[in-house]
Amino acid sequence: MAGAETAREAGIDADVETLKQRFLYRQSIETARCLAEGVLTSVHEANIGSIFGIGFPAWTGGALQFVASEGLEDYLQRADALAARHGERFAVSAEVREALRRAMA
């Protein structure tokens, strides 16, 4: 864990669990954006595509299954908190929120 210790000394948040969550949220937000834009046409495509296309962890069941497992409203609140702390790359637009609500219905 020398890298993590060096990062902490430099004032960088290097908690492994926090970093995992940030990666999962960032990739799932992009997958949801693809669904909202019509690049993906189903939850199934989004889950399979995220696993085989961008390497989303298979243990989650895919990016949108990850969203479902977090609970949509909790997921959106966490994404908002990440956006406030780490910038707009974690922001979930109104269109993406609506696509997620339709997908989770």
N, C-alpha and C. Protein backbone atom coordinates (compact mmCIF):
# COMPACT_ATOMS: atom_id res chain seq x y z
N MET A 1 0.82 -1.20 0.00
CA MET A 1 0.00 0.00 0.00
C MET A 1 0.86 1.26 0.00
N ALA A 2 2.08 1.15 -0.46
CA ALA A 2 2.96 2.31 -0.49
C ALA A 2 2.38 3.44 -1.33
N GLY A 3 1.70 3.11 -2.44
CA GLY A 3 1.10 4.13 -3.28
C GLY A 3 0.02 4.89 -2.55
N ALA A 4 -0.80 4.18 -1.79
CA ALA A 4 -1.87 4.82 -1.03
C ALA A 4 -1.28 5.73 0.05
N GLU A 5 -0.21 5.27 0.70
CA GLU A 5 0.42 6.10 1.73
C GLU A 5 1.00 7.36 1.11
N THR A 6 1.63 7.25 -0.04
CA THR A 6 2.19 8.41 -0.72
C THR A 6 1.08 9.37 -1.12
N ALA A 7 -0.03 8.84 -1.60
CA ALA A 7 -1.15 9.68 -1.99
C ALA A 7 -1.71 10.43 -0.78
N ARG A 8 -1.85 9.73 0.34
CA ARG A 8 -2.35 10.38 1.56
C ARG A 8 -1.41 11.50 2.00
N GLU A 9 -0.11 11.24 1.92
CA GLU A 9 0.85 12.27 2.31
C GLU A 9 0.73 13.50 1.43
N ALA A 10 0.32 13.31 0.18
CA ALA A 10 0.14 14.43 -0.74
C ALA A 10 -1.24 15.08 -0.60
N GLY A 11 -2.05 14.58 0.33
CA GLY A 11 -3.37 15.15 0.56
C GLY A 11 -4.44 14.64 -0.39
N ILE A 12 -4.19 13.50 -1.04
CA ILE A 12 -5.14 12.90 -1.98
C ILE A 12 -5.93 11.82 -1.25
N ASP A 13 -7.25 11.87 -1.41
CA ASP A 13 -8.11 10.85 -0.82
C ASP A 13 -7.89 9.55 -1.57
N ALA A 14 -7.23 8.57 -0.94
CA ALA A 14 -6.90 7.33 -1.62
C ALA A 14 -7.56 6.12 -0.98
N ASP A 15 -8.63 6.34 -0.24
CA ASP A 15 -9.36 5.23 0.34
C ASP A 15 -9.87 4.33 -0.78
N VAL A 16 -9.52 3.06 -0.74
CA VAL A 16 -9.83 2.13 -1.83
C VAL A 16 -11.34 2.01 -2.05
N GLU A 17 -12.12 1.92 -1.00
CA GLU A 17 -13.57 1.80 -1.16
C GLU A 17 -14.18 3.05 -1.80
N THR A 18 -13.69 4.21 -1.42
CA THR A 18 -14.16 5.45 -2.01
C THR A 18 -13.82 5.50 -3.49
N LEU A 19 -12.61 5.10 -3.82
CA LEU A 19 -12.21 5.09 -5.23
C LEU A 19 -13.04 4.11 -6.04
N LYS A 20 -13.34 2.94 -5.47
CA LYS A 20 -14.18 1.96 -6.17
C LYS A 20 -15.56 2.56 -6.46
N GLN A 21 -16.14 3.21 -5.47
CA GLN A 21 -17.45 3.82 -5.66
C GLN A 21 -17.41 4.89 -6.75
N ARG A 22 -16.36 5.69 -6.74
CA ARG A 22 -16.25 6.73 -7.76
C ARG A 22 -16.16 6.13 -9.15
N PHE A 23 -15.40 5.05 -9.32
CA PHE A 23 -15.31 4.38 -10.62
C PHE A 23 -16.67 3.81 -11.02
N LEU A 24 -17.34 3.14 -10.10
CA LEU A 24 -18.65 2.55 -10.40
C LEU A 24 -19.67 3.62 -10.79
N TYR A 25 -19.67 4.72 -10.07
CA TYR A 25 -20.62 5.78 -10.38
C TYR A 25 -20.29 6.45 -11.71
N ARG A 26 -19.03 6.70 -11.95
CA ARG A 26 -18.66 7.38 -13.20
C ARG A 26 -19.06 6.54 -14.41
N GLN A 27 -18.76 5.26 -14.38
CA GLN A 27 -19.09 4.39 -15.51
C GLN A 27 -20.60 4.19 -15.63
N SER A 28 -21.30 4.06 -14.52
CA SER A 28 -22.75 3.85 -14.60
C SER A 28 -23.46 5.11 -15.07
N ILE A 29 -22.96 6.27 -14.73
CA ILE A 29 -23.54 7.52 -15.23
C ILE A 29 -23.40 7.59 -16.74
N GLU A 30 -22.24 7.24 -17.25
CA GLU A 30 -22.04 7.26 -18.71
C GLU A 30 -22.92 6.22 -19.41
N THR A 31 -23.08 5.07 -18.81
CA THR A 31 -23.97 4.05 -19.38
C THR A 31 -25.40 4.56 -19.42
N ALA A 32 -25.84 5.20 -18.35
CA ALA A 32 -27.19 5.75 -18.31
C ALA A 32 -27.35 6.87 -19.34
N ARG A 33 -26.31 7.65 -19.56
CA ARG A 33 -26.37 8.69 -20.58
C ARG A 33 -26.55 8.08 -21.97
N CYS A 34 -25.86 6.96 -22.22
CA CYS A 34 -26.03 6.27 -23.50
C CYS A 34 -27.45 5.76 -23.66
N LEU A 35 -28.07 5.31 -22.59
CA LEU A 35 -29.47 4.88 -22.63
C LEU A 35 -30.37 6.07 -22.95
N ALA A 36 -30.13 7.20 -22.28
CA ALA A 36 -30.94 8.40 -22.50
C ALA A 36 -30.82 8.91 -23.93
N GLU A 37 -29.65 8.77 -24.53
CA GLU A 37 -29.42 9.27 -25.88
C GLU A 37 -29.82 8.28 -26.96
N GLY A 38 -30.28 7.08 -26.58
CA GLY A 38 -30.71 6.10 -27.55
C GLY A 38 -29.60 5.25 -28.14
N VAL A 39 -28.38 5.42 -27.65
CA VAL A 39 -27.27 4.56 -28.09
C VAL A 39 -27.54 3.13 -27.63
N LEU A 40 -28.07 3.00 -26.43
CA LEU A 40 -28.53 1.72 -25.89
C LEU A 40 -30.05 1.77 -25.86
N THR A 41 -30.68 0.64 -26.16
CA THR A 41 -32.14 0.65 -26.25
C THR A 41 -32.83 -0.17 -25.17
N SER A 42 -32.05 -0.82 -24.31
CA SER A 42 -32.68 -1.61 -23.25
C SER A 42 -31.74 -1.72 -22.06
N VAL A 43 -32.33 -2.06 -20.94
CA VAL A 43 -31.54 -2.30 -19.73
C VAL A 43 -30.59 -3.47 -19.96
N HIS A 44 -31.09 -4.49 -20.64
CA HIS A 44 -30.26 -5.65 -20.94
C HIS A 44 -29.02 -5.25 -21.74
N GLU A 45 -29.20 -4.47 -22.80
CA GLU A 45 -28.06 -3.99 -23.59
C GLU A 45 -27.09 -3.20 -22.72
N ALA A 46 -27.63 -2.36 -21.85
CA ALA A 46 -26.79 -1.53 -20.99
C ALA A 46 -25.96 -2.39 -20.04
N ASN A 47 -26.59 -3.40 -19.44
CA ASN A 47 -25.86 -4.25 -18.50
C ASN A 47 -24.80 -5.09 -19.20
N ILE A 48 -25.18 -5.77 -20.27
CA ILE A 48 -24.22 -6.61 -21.00
C ILE A 48 -23.12 -5.76 -21.62
N GLY A 49 -23.53 -4.65 -22.25
CA GLY A 49 -22.55 -3.77 -22.88
C GLY A 49 -21.57 -3.17 -21.89
N SER A 50 -22.05 -2.84 -20.71
CA SER A 50 -21.15 -2.25 -19.72
C SER A 50 -20.13 -3.27 -19.21
N ILE A 51 -20.55 -4.51 -19.10
CA ILE A 51 -19.63 -5.55 -18.63
C ILE A 51 -18.61 -5.88 -19.72
N PHE A 52 -19.09 -6.18 -20.92
CA PHE A 52 -18.19 -6.63 -21.98
C PHE A 52 -17.56 -5.47 -22.75
N GLY A 53 -18.21 -4.31 -22.76
CA GLY A 53 -17.69 -3.19 -23.54
C GLY A 53 -16.73 -2.30 -22.79
N ILE A 54 -17.06 -1.95 -21.54
CA ILE A 54 -16.19 -1.02 -20.80
C ILE A 54 -15.59 -1.65 -19.55
N GLY A 55 -15.81 -2.94 -19.36
CA GLY A 55 -15.20 -3.63 -18.24
C GLY A 55 -15.84 -3.36 -16.89
N PHE A 56 -17.13 -2.99 -16.90
CA PHE A 56 -17.82 -2.80 -15.62
C PHE A 56 -17.78 -4.12 -14.87
N PRO A 57 -17.55 -4.11 -13.57
CA PRO A 57 -17.42 -5.36 -12.82
C PRO A 57 -18.63 -6.29 -12.97
N ALA A 58 -18.37 -7.50 -13.40
CA ALA A 58 -19.43 -8.47 -13.65
C ALA A 58 -20.22 -8.80 -12.38
N TRP A 59 -19.57 -8.74 -11.22
CA TRP A 59 -20.27 -9.07 -9.97
C TRP A 59 -21.43 -8.14 -9.69
N THR A 60 -21.48 -6.98 -10.36
CA THR A 60 -22.58 -6.04 -10.14
C THR A 60 -23.81 -6.39 -10.97
N GLY A 61 -23.62 -7.20 -12.00
CA GLY A 61 -24.72 -7.49 -12.92
C GLY A 61 -24.80 -6.50 -14.06
N GLY A 62 -23.94 -5.51 -14.06
CA GLY A 62 -23.93 -4.47 -15.09
C GLY A 62 -24.22 -3.11 -14.49
N ALA A 63 -24.01 -2.08 -15.29
CA ALA A 63 -24.12 -0.72 -14.80
C ALA A 63 -25.51 -0.36 -14.29
N LEU A 64 -26.54 -0.73 -15.03
CA LEU A 64 -27.88 -0.37 -14.57
C LEU A 64 -28.37 -1.27 -13.44
N GLN A 65 -27.87 -2.49 -13.40
CA GLN A 65 -28.18 -3.34 -12.26
C GLN A 65 -27.52 -2.78 -11.00
N PHE A 66 -26.34 -2.20 -11.16
CA PHE A 66 -25.68 -1.53 -10.04
C PHE A 66 -26.55 -0.38 -9.54
N VAL A 67 -27.08 0.42 -10.47
CA VAL A 67 -27.97 1.53 -10.08
C VAL A 67 -29.17 0.99 -9.30
N ALA A 68 -29.77 -0.07 -9.81
CA ALA A 68 -30.93 -0.67 -9.14
C ALA A 68 -30.56 -1.18 -7.75
N SER A 69 -29.39 -1.78 -7.63
CA SER A 69 -28.98 -2.32 -6.33
C SER A 69 -28.71 -1.23 -5.30
N GLU A 70 -28.31 -0.05 -5.78
CA GLU A 70 -28.09 1.08 -4.88
C GLU A 70 -29.43 1.70 -4.46
N GLY A 71 -30.46 1.50 -5.27
CA GLY A 71 -31.73 2.19 -5.08
C GLY A 71 -31.65 3.50 -5.83
N LEU A 72 -32.57 3.74 -6.74
CA LEU A 72 -32.44 4.88 -7.66
C LEU A 72 -32.28 6.21 -6.94
N GLU A 73 -33.12 6.48 -5.97
CA GLU A 73 -33.04 7.79 -5.29
C GLU A 73 -31.73 7.93 -4.50
N ASP A 74 -31.30 6.85 -3.83
CA ASP A 74 -30.01 6.89 -3.13
C ASP A 74 -28.87 7.09 -4.12
N TYR A 75 -28.96 6.40 -5.26
CA TYR A 75 -27.94 6.52 -6.30
C TYR A 75 -27.85 7.98 -6.78
N LEU A 76 -29.00 8.59 -7.06
CA LEU A 76 -28.99 9.96 -7.55
C LEU A 76 -28.48 10.94 -6.50
N GLN A 77 -28.82 10.71 -5.25
CA GLN A 77 -28.30 11.57 -4.18
C GLN A 77 -26.79 11.45 -4.06
N ARG A 78 -26.29 10.21 -4.15
CA ARG A 78 -24.84 9.99 -4.07
C ARG A 78 -24.14 10.62 -5.27
N ALA A 79 -24.74 10.50 -6.46
CA ALA A 79 -24.16 11.12 -7.66
C ALA A 79 -24.11 12.64 -7.49
N ASP A 80 -25.16 13.23 -6.92
CA ASP A 80 -25.17 14.67 -6.67
C ASP A 80 -24.06 15.06 -5.71
N ALA A 81 -23.86 14.26 -4.67
CA ALA A 81 -22.79 14.54 -3.71
C ALA A 81 -21.42 14.42 -4.38
N LEU A 82 -21.25 13.41 -5.21
CA LEU A 82 -19.99 13.26 -5.94
C LEU A 82 -19.76 14.43 -6.89
N ALA A 83 -20.82 14.89 -7.54
CA ALA A 83 -20.70 16.03 -8.46
C ALA A 83 -20.30 17.29 -7.69
N ALA A 84 -20.87 17.48 -6.52
CA ALA A 84 -20.53 18.66 -5.72
C ALA A 84 -19.07 18.62 -5.29
N ARG A 85 -18.58 17.43 -5.01
CA ARG A 85 -17.20 17.31 -4.52
C ARG A 85 -16.16 17.18 -5.64
N HIS A 86 -16.53 16.45 -6.71
CA HIS A 86 -15.53 16.10 -7.72
C HIS A 86 -15.81 16.66 -9.11
N GLY A 87 -16.88 17.39 -9.26
CA GLY A 87 -17.12 18.06 -10.53
C GLY A 87 -18.23 17.46 -11.37
N GLU A 88 -18.49 18.14 -12.47
CA GLU A 88 -19.66 17.83 -13.29
C GLU A 88 -19.62 16.48 -13.97
N ARG A 89 -18.49 15.83 -14.02
CA ARG A 89 -18.45 14.48 -14.63
C ARG A 89 -19.34 13.50 -13.86
N PHE A 90 -19.71 13.84 -12.62
CA PHE A 90 -20.61 13.01 -11.84
C PHE A 90 -22.05 13.53 -11.86
N ALA A 91 -22.28 14.63 -12.55
CA ALA A 91 -23.62 15.21 -12.61
C ALA A 91 -24.52 14.34 -13.48
N VAL A 92 -25.76 14.17 -13.04
CA VAL A 92 -26.75 13.39 -13.77
C VAL A 92 -27.80 14.38 -14.28
N SER A 93 -27.85 14.54 -15.60
CA SER A 93 -28.77 15.51 -16.20
C SER A 93 -30.22 15.07 -16.01
N ALA A 94 -31.12 16.00 -16.25
CA ALA A 94 -32.55 15.71 -16.14
C ALA A 94 -32.96 14.61 -17.11
N GLU A 95 -32.38 14.62 -18.32
CA GLU A 95 -32.71 13.59 -19.31
C GLU A 95 -32.25 12.22 -18.86
N VAL A 96 -31.08 12.16 -18.27
CA VAL A 96 -30.55 10.88 -17.78
C VAL A 96 -31.36 10.41 -16.58
N ARG A 97 -31.74 11.32 -15.71
CA ARG A 97 -32.58 10.95 -14.56
C ARG A 97 -33.90 10.33 -15.03
N GLU A 98 -34.50 10.96 -16.05
CA GLU A 98 -35.76 10.45 -16.57
C GLU A 98 -35.57 9.08 -17.22
N ALA A 99 -34.48 8.90 -17.95
CA ALA A 99 -34.20 7.59 -18.57
C ALA A 99 -34.01 6.52 -17.49
N LEU A 100 -33.33 6.88 -16.42
CA LEU A 100 -33.15 5.92 -15.32
C LEU A 100 -34.49 5.60 -14.65
N ARG A 101 -35.32 6.58 -14.46
CA ARG A 101 -36.63 6.32 -13.85
C ARG A 101 -37.47 5.40 -14.71
N ARG A 102 -37.44 5.62 -16.03
CA ARG A 102 -38.16 4.74 -16.95
C ARG A 102 -37.57 3.32 -16.91
N ALA A 103 -36.26 3.22 -16.88
CA ALA A 103 -35.58 1.92 -16.89
C ALA A 103 -35.85 1.15 -15.60
N MET A 104 -35.98 1.85 -14.50
CA MET A 104 -36.16 1.20 -13.20
C MET A 104 -37.63 0.91 -12.90
N ALA A 105 -38.53 1.41 -13.73
CA ALA A 105 -39.97 1.20 -13.48
C ALA A 105 -40.39 -0.22 -13.74
